[in-house]
Protein backbone atom coordinates (compact mmCIF):
# COMPACT_ATOMS: atom_id res chain seq x y z
CA MET A 1 -4.70 28.33 14.71
CA GLU A 2 -5.99 28.61 11.44
CA LYS A 3 -4.77 25.94 9.00
CA GLU A 4 -2.91 27.13 6.03
CA LYS A 5 -4.75 27.64 2.74
CA TYR A 6 -4.01 27.26 -0.87
CA LYS A 7 -6.46 28.83 -3.68
CA PHE A 8 -6.64 26.79 -7.27
CA ASN A 9 -8.08 27.82 -10.53
CA LEU A 10 -10.00 24.28 -12.21
CA ILE A 11 -10.70 24.04 -15.93
CA LEU A 12 -13.71 21.79 -16.15
CA THR A 13 -15.84 20.49 -18.34
CA GLU A 14 -19.28 21.80 -18.44
CA GLY A 15 -20.36 17.88 -17.37
CA ALA A 16 -18.16 18.45 -14.30
CA LYS A 17 -19.56 21.92 -13.81
CA ALA A 18 -22.85 20.45 -13.48
CA GLN A 19 -22.36 17.67 -11.32
CA LEU A 20 -20.75 19.54 -9.07
CA GLU A 21 -23.56 22.21 -8.65
CA GLU A 22 -26.06 18.89 -8.88
CA LEU A 23 -23.73 17.46 -5.87
CA GLN A 24 -23.66 21.62 -3.81
CA LYS A 25 -27.93 20.83 -4.53
CA ARG A 26 -28.44 17.25 -3.18
CA THR A 27 -25.72 17.89 0.14
CA GLY A 28 -26.82 21.36 0.99
CA ALA A 29 -22.79 22.23 1.01
CA ALA A 30 -21.97 25.66 1.00
CA SER A 31 -19.25 26.12 -1.93
CA PHE A 32 -17.88 23.62 -4.23
CA ALA A 33 -14.78 23.75 -2.48
CA GLU A 34 -16.80 21.91 0.45
CA ILE A 35 -17.60 19.45 -2.09
CA ILE A 36 -14.36 18.68 -3.26
CA ARG A 37 -12.71 18.64 0.29
CA ARG A 38 -15.50 16.15 0.52
CA SER A 39 -15.24 14.15 -2.59
CA LEU A 40 -11.31 13.81 -1.25
CA ALA A 41 -11.88 12.44 1.95
CA VAL A 42 -13.68 9.43 0.82
CA TYR A 43 -11.48 9.11 -2.36
CA ASP A 44 -8.21 8.77 0.47
CA ALA A 45 -10.49 6.78 2.26
CA LEU A 46 -11.52 4.48 -0.14
CA GLN A 47 -7.98 4.20 -1.82
CA GLU A 48 -6.33 3.42 1.98
CA HIS A 49 -8.58 0.56 2.70
CA THR A 50 -8.31 -0.96 -1.11
CA ALA A 51 -4.87 -0.70 -0.85
CA SER A 52 -4.90 -2.24 2.65
CA GLY A 53 -6.92 -5.34 1.28
CA TRP A 54 -10.47 -4.38 1.87
CA GLU A 55 -13.05 -4.15 -1.07
CA LEU A 56 -16.05 -1.74 -1.42
CA ILE A 57 -19.23 -3.72 -2.19
CA LEU A 58 -22.82 -1.72 -2.61
CA ARG A 59 -26.02 -3.26 -1.45
CA ASN A 60 -29.41 -2.22 -1.81
CA LYS A 61 -31.50 -2.44 1.25
CA ALA A 62 -34.70 -3.32 -0.26
CA ASP A 63 -33.67 -6.52 -2.20
CA LYS A 64 -30.17 -7.11 -0.74
CA LYS A 65 -28.74 -7.25 -4.26
CA SER A 66 -24.80 -6.40 -3.63
CA GLU A 67 -22.31 -4.81 -6.61
CA LYS A 68 -18.69 -4.35 -6.53
CA PRO A 69 -18.61 -0.82 -7.75
CA VAL A 70 -15.94 -0.10 -10.51
CA LEU A 71 -13.64 2.92 -8.99
CA LEU A 72 -10.72 4.72 -9.86
CA VAL A 73 -8.20 3.26 -6.69
């Protein structure tokens, strides 16, 4: 059974459009919609985890330095 689909029109700044194009190129995503769906999944997971007490820490593999990124969660 196919999921119900919805169509949206987005107004983006040129910078946001450029970000989508760059992400599409780097990830090989088939469409902007695919990038947005993936982004929503990541944002949702981050929000759920931080809301339940987890924190995100990024660590550089080479020098093991870590930092806590600033996210809008």
